[in-house]
PDB file of N, CA and C in Angstrom:
ATOM      1  N   MET A   1       0.841  -1.292  -0.048  1.00  0.00           N
ATOM      2  CA  MET A   1      -0.227   0.042   0.024  1.00  0.00           C
ATOM      3  C   MET A   1       1.016   1.326   0.134  1.00  0.00           C
ATOM      4  N   MET A   2       0.320   2.303  -0.652  1.00  0.00           N
ATOM      5  CA  MET A   2       0.979   3.590  -0.642  1.00  0.00           C
ATOM      6  C   MET A   2       0.853   4.384   0.691  1.00  0.00           C
ATOM      7  N   PRO A   3       1.556   5.396   0.745  1.00  0.00           N
ATOM      8  CA  PRO A   3       1.304   6.197   2.086  1.00  0.00           C
ATOM      9  C   PRO A   3      -0.166   6.812   2.025  1.00  0.00           C
ATOM     10  N   GLY A   4      -0.712   6.487   3.361  1.00  0.00           N
ATOM     11  CA  GLY A   4      -2.058   7.441   3.422  1.00  0.00           C
ATOM     12  C   GLY A   4      -3.137   6.092   2.946  1.00  0.00           C
ATOM     13  N   GLU A   5      -3.020   5.103   2.244  1.00  0.00           N
ATOM     14  CA  GLU A   5      -3.665   4.347   1.659  1.00  0.00           C
ATOM     15  C   GLU A   5      -4.568   3.916   2.727  1.00  0.00           C
ATOM     16  N   ASN A   6      -5.929   3.497   2.550  1.00  0.00           N
ATOM     17  CA  ASN A   6      -6.940   2.812   3.501  1.00  0.00           C
ATOM     18  C   ASN A   6      -7.690   1.961   2.433  1.00  0.00           C
ATOM     19  N   GLN A   7      -8.007   0.728   3.267  1.00  0.00           N
ATOM     20  CA  GLN A   7      -8.788  -0.195   2.565  1.00  0.00           C
ATOM     21  C   GLN A   7      -9.969  -0.135   3.245  1.00  0.00           C
ATOM     22  N   SER A   8     -10.935   0.719   3.195  1.00  0.00           N
ATOM     23  CA  SER A   8     -12.174   0.956   3.900  1.00  0.00           C
ATOM     24  C   SER A   8     -13.351   0.332   3.004  1.00  0.00           C
ATOM     25  N   GLY A   9     -14.147  -0.082   3.673  1.00  0.00           N
ATOM     26  CA  GLY A   9     -15.395  -0.646   2.888  1.00  0.00           C
ATOM     27  C   GLY A   9     -16.205   0.406   2.263  1.00  0.00           C
ATOM     28  N   ALA A  10     -16.903  -0.104   1.232  1.00  0.00           N
ATOM     29  CA  ALA A  10     -17.790   0.714   0.494  1.00  0.00           C
ATOM     30  C   ALA A  10     -19.132   0.841   0.845  1.00  0.00           C
ATOM     31  N   GLY A  11     -19.343   0.532   1.982  1.00  0.00           N
ATOM     32  CA  GLY A  11     -20.723   0.460   2.618  1.00  0.00           C
ATOM     33  C   GLY A  11     -21.244   1.740   3.375  1.00  0.00           C
ATOM     34  N   GLY A  12     -20.297   2.608   3.914  1.00  0.00           N
ATOM     35  CA  GLY A  12     -20.358   3.863   4.507  1.00  0.00           C
ATOM     36  C   GLY A  12     -20.226   4.990   3.670  1.00  0.00           C
ATOM     37  N   ILE A  13     -20.031   4.635   2.381  1.00  0.00           N
ATOM     38  CA  ILE A  13     -19.482   5.781   1.473  1.00  0.00           C
ATOM     39  C   ILE A  13     -21.123   6.532   1.136  1.00  0.00           C
ATOM     40  N   ALA A  14     -22.296   5.872   0.783  1.00  0.00           N
ATOM     41  CA  ALA A  14     -23.265   6.566   0.509  1.00  0.00           C
ATOM     42  C   ALA A  14     -23.962   7.580   1.597  1.00  0.00           C
ATOM     43  N   SER A  15     -23.911   6.960   2.891  1.00  0.00           N
ATOM     44  CA  SER A  15     -24.243   7.727   3.978  1.00  0.00           C
ATOM     45  C   SER A  15     -23.401   9.023   4.347  1.00  0.00           C
ATOM     46  N   GLU A  16     -21.991   8.849   3.815  1.00  0.00           N
ATOM     47  CA  GLU A  16     -21.063   9.823   4.228  1.00  0.00           C
ATOM     48  C   GLU A  16     -21.417  11.024   3.114  1.00  0.00           C
ATOM     49  N   ALA A  17     -21.830  10.550   1.695  1.00  0.00           N
ATOM     50  CA  ALA A  17     -21.764  11.618   0.692  1.00  0.00           C
ATOM     51  C   ALA A  17     -23.029  12.673   1.108  1.00  0.00           C
ATOM     52  N   THR A  18     -23.884  12.320   2.022  1.00  0.00           N
ATOM     53  CA  THR A  18     -24.937  13.321   2.153  1.00  0.00           C
ATOM     54  C   THR A  18     -24.487  14.218   3.284  1.00  0.00           C
ATOM     55  N   SER A  19     -23.761  13.730   4.184  1.00  0.00           N
ATOM     56  CA  SER A  19     -22.641  14.707   5.374  1.00  0.00           C
ATOM     57  C   SER A  19     -21.898  15.659   4.667  1.00  0.00           C
ATOM     58  N   GLY A  20     -21.417  15.718   3.447  1.00  0.00           N
ATOM     59  CA  GLY A  20     -20.217  16.434   2.963  1.00  0.00           C
ATOM     60  C   GLY A  20     -18.957  15.853   2.637  1.00  0.00           C
ATOM     61  N   THR A  21     -17.838  16.130   3.264  1.00  0.00           N
ATOM     62  CA  THR A  21     -16.780  15.146   2.660  1.00  0.00           C
ATOM     63  C   THR A  21     -16.651  13.752   3.196  1.00  0.00           C
ATOM     64  N   CYS A  22     -16.663  12.623   2.324  1.00  0.00           N
ATOM     65  CA  CYS A  22     -16.435  11.530   2.552  1.00  0.00           C
ATOM     66  C   CYS A  22     -15.193  11.189   3.049  1.00  0.00           C
ATOM     67  N   GLN A  23     -15.179  10.022   3.953  1.00  0.00           N
ATOM     68  CA  GLN A  23     -13.971   9.605   4.472  1.00  0.00           C
ATOM     69  C   GLN A  23     -12.997   9.333   3.347  1.00  0.00           C
ATOM     70  N   ASN A  24     -13.223   8.786   1.931  1.00  0.00           N
ATOM     71  CA  ASN A  24     -12.133   8.573   0.970  1.00  0.00           C
ATOM     72  C   ASN A  24     -11.721  10.013   0.477  1.00  0.00           C
ATOM     73  N   CYS A  25     -12.447  11.045   0.566  1.00  0.00           N
ATOM     74  CA  CYS A  25     -11.788  12.218   0.103  1.00  0.00           C
ATOM     75  C   CYS A  25     -10.752  12.828   1.156  1.00  0.00           C
ATOM     76  N   THR A  26     -11.234  12.411   2.492  1.00  0.00           N
ATOM     77  CA  THR A  26     -10.478  12.738   3.231  1.00  0.00           C
ATOM     78  C   THR A  26      -8.904  12.002   3.254  1.00  0.00           C
ATOM     79  N   VAL A  27      -9.170  10.740   3.166  1.00  0.00           N
ATOM     80  CA  VAL A  27      -8.125   9.792   3.013  1.00  0.00           C
ATOM     81  C   VAL A  27      -7.101  10.378   1.832  1.00  0.00           C
ATOM     82  N   LEU A  28      -7.887  10.570   0.552  1.00  0.00           N
ATOM     83  CA  LEU A  28      -7.251  11.117  -0.401  1.00  0.00           C
ATOM     84  C   LEU A  28      -6.490  12.609  -0.224  1.00  0.00           C
ATOM     85  N   ASN A  29      -7.068  13.457   0.552  1.00  0.00           N
ATOM     86  CA  ASN A  29      -6.287  14.605   0.577  1.00  0.00           C
ATOM     87  C   ASN A  29      -5.182  14.513   1.531  1.00  0.00           C
ATOM     88  N   GLN A  30      -5.324  13.611   2.471  1.00  0.00           N
ATOM     89  CA  GLN A  30      -4.206  13.246   3.326  1.00  0.00           C
ATOM     90  C   GLN A  30      -2.827  12.614   2.450  1.00  0.00           C
ATOM     91  N   SER A  31      -3.468  11.654   1.612  1.00  0.00           N
ATOM     92  CA  SER A  31      -2.358  11.063   0.763  1.00  0.00           C
ATOM     93  C   SER A  31      -1.499  11.887   0.022  1.00  0.00           C
ATOM     94  N   LEU A  32      -2.365  13.102  -0.573  1.00  0.00           N
ATOM     95  CA  LEU A  32      -2.025  13.947  -1.423  1.00  0.00           C
ATOM     96  C   LEU A  32      -1.015  14.993  -0.725  1.00  0.00           C
ATOM     97  N   ASP A  33      -1.123  15.145   0.585  1.00  0.00           N
ATOM     98  CA  ASP A  33      -0.348  16.240   1.240  1.00  0.00           C
ATOM     99  C   ASP A  33       0.771  15.188   1.539  1.00  0.00           C
ATOM    100  N   GLU A  34       0.819  14.032   1.743  1.00  0.00           N
ATOM    101  CA  GLU A  34       2.124  13.329   2.022  1.00  0.00           C
ATOM    102  C   GLU A  34       2.946  13.247   0.860  1.00  0.00           C
ATOM    103  N   TYR A  35       2.229  13.092  -0.233  1.00  0.00           N
ATOM    104  CA  TYR A  35       3.039  13.095  -1.461  1.00  0.00           C
ATOM    105  C   TYR A  35       3.573  14.350  -1.925  1.00  0.00           C
ATOM    106  N   VAL A  36       2.983  15.263  -1.791  1.00  0.00           N
ATOM    107  CA  VAL A  36       3.638  16.932  -2.021  1.00  0.00           C
ATOM    108  C   VAL A  36       4.716  16.941  -1.201  1.00  0.00           C
ATOM    109  N   ALA A  37       4.517  16.647   0.267  1.00  0.00           N
ATOM    110  CA  ALA A  37       5.521  16.838   1.295  1.00  0.00           C
ATOM    111  C   ALA A  37       6.863  16.132   0.891  1.00  0.00           C
ATOM    112  N   ALA A  38       6.730  14.748   0.445  1.00  0.00           N
ATOM    113  CA  ALA A  38       7.709  14.102  -0.005  1.00  0.00           C
ATOM    114  C   ALA A  38       8.249  14.605  -1.244  1.00  0.00           C
ATOM    115  N   LEU A  39       7.511  15.060  -2.390  1.00  0.00           N
ATOM    116  CA  LEU A  39       8.178  15.593  -3.463  1.00  0.00           C
ATOM    117  C   LEU A  39       8.955  16.906  -3.340  1.00  0.00           C
ATOM    118  N   LEU A  40       8.302  17.824  -2.293  1.00  0.00           N
ATOM    119  CA  LEU A  40       9.298  18.899  -1.841  1.00  0.00           C
ATOM    120  C   LEU A  40      10.477  18.387  -1.320  1.00  0.00           C
ATOM    121  N   THR A  41      10.720  17.522  -0.346  1.00  0.00           N
ATOM    122  CA  THR A  41      12.011  17.266   0.227  1.00  0.00           C
ATOM    123  C   THR A  41      12.809  16.474  -0.748  1.00  0.00           C
ATOM    124  N   LEU A  42      12.155  15.592  -1.680  1.00  0.00           N
ATOM    125  CA  LEU A  42      13.093  15.064  -2.860  1.00  0.00           C
ATOM    126  C   LEU A  42      13.584  16.434  -3.659  1.00  0.00           C
ATOM    127  N   LYS A  43      12.502  17.328  -3.915  1.00  0.00           N
ATOM    128  CA  LYS A  43      13.247  18.503  -4.908  1.00  0.00           C
ATOM    129  C   LYS A  43      14.422  19.069  -3.932  1.00  0.00           C
ATOM    130  N   GLN A  44      14.123  19.378  -2.565  1.00  0.00           N
ATOM    131  CA  GLN A  44      15.251  20.011  -2.078  1.00  0.00           C
ATOM    132  C   GLN A  44      16.433  19.380  -2.215  1.00  0.00           C
ATOM    133  N   LYS A  45      16.385  17.806  -2.048  1.00  0.00           N
ATOM    134  CA  LYS A  45      17.734  16.992  -1.826  1.00  0.00           C
ATOM    135  C   LYS A  45      18.384  17.129  -3.228  1.00  0.00           C
ATOM    136  N   ILE A  46      17.726  16.999  -4.362  1.00  0.00           N
ATOM    137  CA  ILE A  46      18.251  17.167  -5.819  1.00  0.00           C
ATOM    138  C   ILE A  46      18.854  18.700  -5.857  1.00  0.00           C
ATOM    139  N   ILE A  47      18.328  19.692  -5.089  1.00  0.00           N
ATOM    140  CA  ILE A  47      19.039  20.883  -5.370  1.00  0.00           C
ATOM    141  C   ILE A  47      20.279  20.867  -4.637  1.00  0.00           C
ATOM    142  N   ASP A  48      20.330  20.315  -3.687  1.00  0.00           N
ATOM    143  CA  ASP A  48      21.584  20.162  -2.738  1.00  0.00           C
ATOM    144  C   ASP A  48      22.524  19.537  -3.294  1.00  0.00           C
ATOM    145  N   THR A  49      22.044  18.452  -3.962  1.00  0.00           N
ATOM    146  CA  THR A  49      23.125  17.650  -4.627  1.00  0.00           C
ATOM    147  C   THR A  49      23.747  18.306  -5.636  1.00  0.00           C
ATOM    148  N   ASP A  50      22.734  18.949  -6.534  1.00  0.00           N
ATOM    149  CA  ASP A  50      23.359  19.738  -7.578  1.00  0.00           C
ATOM    150  C   ASP A  50      24.644  20.638  -7.022  1.00  0.00           C
ATOM    151  N   LEU A  51      24.222  21.479  -6.225  1.00  0.00           N
ATOM    152  CA  LEU A  51      25.028  22.404  -5.545  1.00  0.00           C
ATOM    153  C   LEU A  51      26.469  21.753  -5.116  1.00  0.00           C
ATOM    154  N   LEU A  52      26.143  20.663  -4.606  1.00  0.00           N
ATOM    155  CA  LEU A  52      27.420  19.908  -3.953  1.00  0.00           C
ATOM    156  C   LEU A  52      28.360  19.351  -5.240  1.00  0.00           C
ATOM    157  N   LEU A  53      27.446  18.854  -6.180  1.00  0.00           N
ATOM    158  CA  LEU A  53      28.359  18.193  -7.415  1.00  0.00           C
ATOM    159  C   LEU A  53      28.970  19.732  -8.121  1.00  0.00           C
ATOM    160  N   SER A  54      28.433  20.784  -8.127  1.00  0.00           N
ATOM    161  CA  SER A  54      29.154  21.992  -8.794  1.00  0.00           C
ATOM    162  C   SER A  54      30.370  22.276  -8.103  1.00  0.00           C
ATOM    163  N   GLU A  55      30.155  22.299  -6.718  1.00  0.00           N
ATOM    164  CA  GLU A  55      31.472  22.723  -5.938  1.00  0.00           C
ATOM    165  C   GLU A  55      32.482  21.542  -6.210  1.00  0.00           C
ATOM    166  N   TYR A  56      32.257  20.329  -6.214  1.00  0.00           N
ATOM    167  CA  TYR A  56      33.088  19.208  -6.432  1.00  0.00           C
ATOM    168  C   TYR A  56      33.865  19.374  -7.789  1.00  0.00           C
ATOM    169  N   LYS A  57      32.952  19.825  -8.875  1.00  0.00           N
ATOM    170  CA  LYS A  57      33.666  19.986 -10.219  1.00  0.00           C
ATOM    171  C   LYS A  57      34.343  21.202 -10.055  1.00  0.00           C
ATOM    172  N   GLU A  58      34.186  22.089  -9.345  1.00  0.00           N
ATOM    173  CA  GLU A  58      35.002  23.340  -9.333  1.00  0.00           C
ATOM    174  C   GLU A  58      36.415  23.152  -8.696  1.00  0.00           C
ATOM    175  N   LYS A  59      36.291  22.242  -7.890  1.00  0.00           N
ATOM    176  CA  LYS A  59      37.773  21.684  -7.052  1.00  0.00           C
ATOM    177  C   LYS A  59      38.232  20.932  -8.076  1.00  0.00           C
ATOM    178  N   CYS A  60      37.546  19.996  -8.687  1.00  0.00           N
ATOM    179  CA  CYS A  60      38.424  19.212  -9.550  1.00  0.00           C
ATOM    180  C   CYS A  60      39.181  19.863 -10.537  1.00  0.00           C
ATOM    181  N   ASP A  61      38.096  20.863 -11.182  1.00  0.00           N
ATOM    182  CA  ASP A  61      38.607  21.637 -12.388  1.00  0.00           C
ATOM    183  C   ASP A  61      40.184  22.608 -11.689  1.00  0.00           C
ATOM    184  N   ASP A  62      40.079  22.900 -10.504  1.00  0.00           N
ATOM    185  CA  ASP A  62      41.076  23.857 -10.001  1.00  0.00           C
ATOM    186  C   ASP A  62      42.596  22.926  -9.847  1.00  0.00           C
ATOM    187  N   ILE A  63      42.173  21.661  -9.207  1.00  0.00           N
ATOM    188  CA  ILE A  63      43.444  20.524  -9.300  1.00  0.00           C
ATOM    189  C   ILE A  63      43.871  20.364 -10.556  1.00  0.00           C
ATOM    190  N   LEU A  64      42.931  19.955 -11.517  1.00  0.00           N
ATOM    191  CA  LEU A  64      43.590  19.707 -12.939  1.00  0.00           C
ATOM    192  C   LEU A  64      44.300  20.703 -13.498  1.00  0.00           C
ATOM    193  N   TYR A  65      43.859  22.220 -13.191  1.00  0.00           N
ATOM    194  CA  TYR A  65      44.418  23.011 -13.811  1.00  0.00           C
ATOM    195  C   TYR A  65      45.808  23.183 -12.864  1.00  0.00           C
ATOM    196  N   ALA A  66      46.097  23.124 -11.648  1.00  0.00           N
ATOM    197  CA  ALA A  66      47.440  23.292 -11.028  1.00  0.00           C
ATOM    198  C   ALA A  66      48.058  22.132 -11.379  1.00  0.00           C
ATOM    199  N   LEU A  67      47.659  20.904 -11.916  1.00  0.00           N
ATOM    200  CA  LEU A  67      48.483  19.837 -12.148  1.00  0.00           C
ATOM    201  C   LEU A  67      49.078  20.073 -13.627  1.00  0.00           C
ATOM    202  N   LYS A  68      48.305  20.725 -14.310  1.00  0.00           N
ATOM    203  CA  LYS A  68      48.552  20.937 -15.713  1.00  0.00           C
ATOM    204  C   LYS A  68      49.904  22.304 -15.800  1.00  0.00           C
ATOM    205  N   HIS A  69      49.546  22.952 -14.793  1.00  0.00           N
ATOM    206  CA  HIS A  69      50.371  24.233 -14.856  1.00  0.00           C
ATOM    207  C   HIS A  69      51.797  23.810 -14.150  1.00  0.00           C
ATOM    208  N   HIS A  70      51.551  22.744 -13.058  1.00  0.00           N
ATOM    209  CA  HIS A  70      52.843  22.136 -12.516  1.00  0.00           C
ATOM    210  C   HIS A  70      53.599  21.403 -13.702  1.00  0.00           C
ATOM    211  N   ILE A  71      52.867  20.553 -14.411  1.00  0.00           N
ATOM    212  CA  ILE A  71      53.654  19.808 -15.283  1.00  0.00           C
ATOM    213  C   ILE A  71      54.438  20.788 -16.411  1.00  0.00           C
ATOM    214  N   THR A  72      53.782  21.831 -16.904  1.00  0.00           N
ATOM    215  CA  THR A  72      54.404  22.537 -17.764  1.00  0.00           C
ATOM    216  C   THR A  72      55.450  23.290 -17.178  1.00  0.00           C
ATOM    217  N   CYS A  73      55.526  23.531 -16.032  1.00  0.00           N
ATOM    218  CA  CYS A  73      56.736  24.143 -15.637  1.00  0.00           C
ATOM    219  C   CYS A  73      57.920  23.328 -15.494  1.00  0.00           C
ATOM    220  N   TYR A  74      58.021  22.299 -15.646  1.00  0.00           N
ATOM    221  CA  TYR A  74      59.133  21.271 -15.552  1.00  0.00           C
ATOM    222  C   TYR A  74      59.425  21.057 -17.166  1.00  0.00           C
TER     223      TYR A  74
END
């Protein structure tokens, strides 16, 4: 089952439909909120990883430049 899934019976749905928001809609909204939160967390992790990789690439480029410069000096 996915986060927030609920295996409720269909028996109470008809009576809940007359009282406003049914339980299935409430569960669906809760699941949607959980998915949105998880996606936002994932998005932030992707952004953080991209920044880290950019910094790593810059350091590698600096090291390669220093090595090439060092080799050409000899």
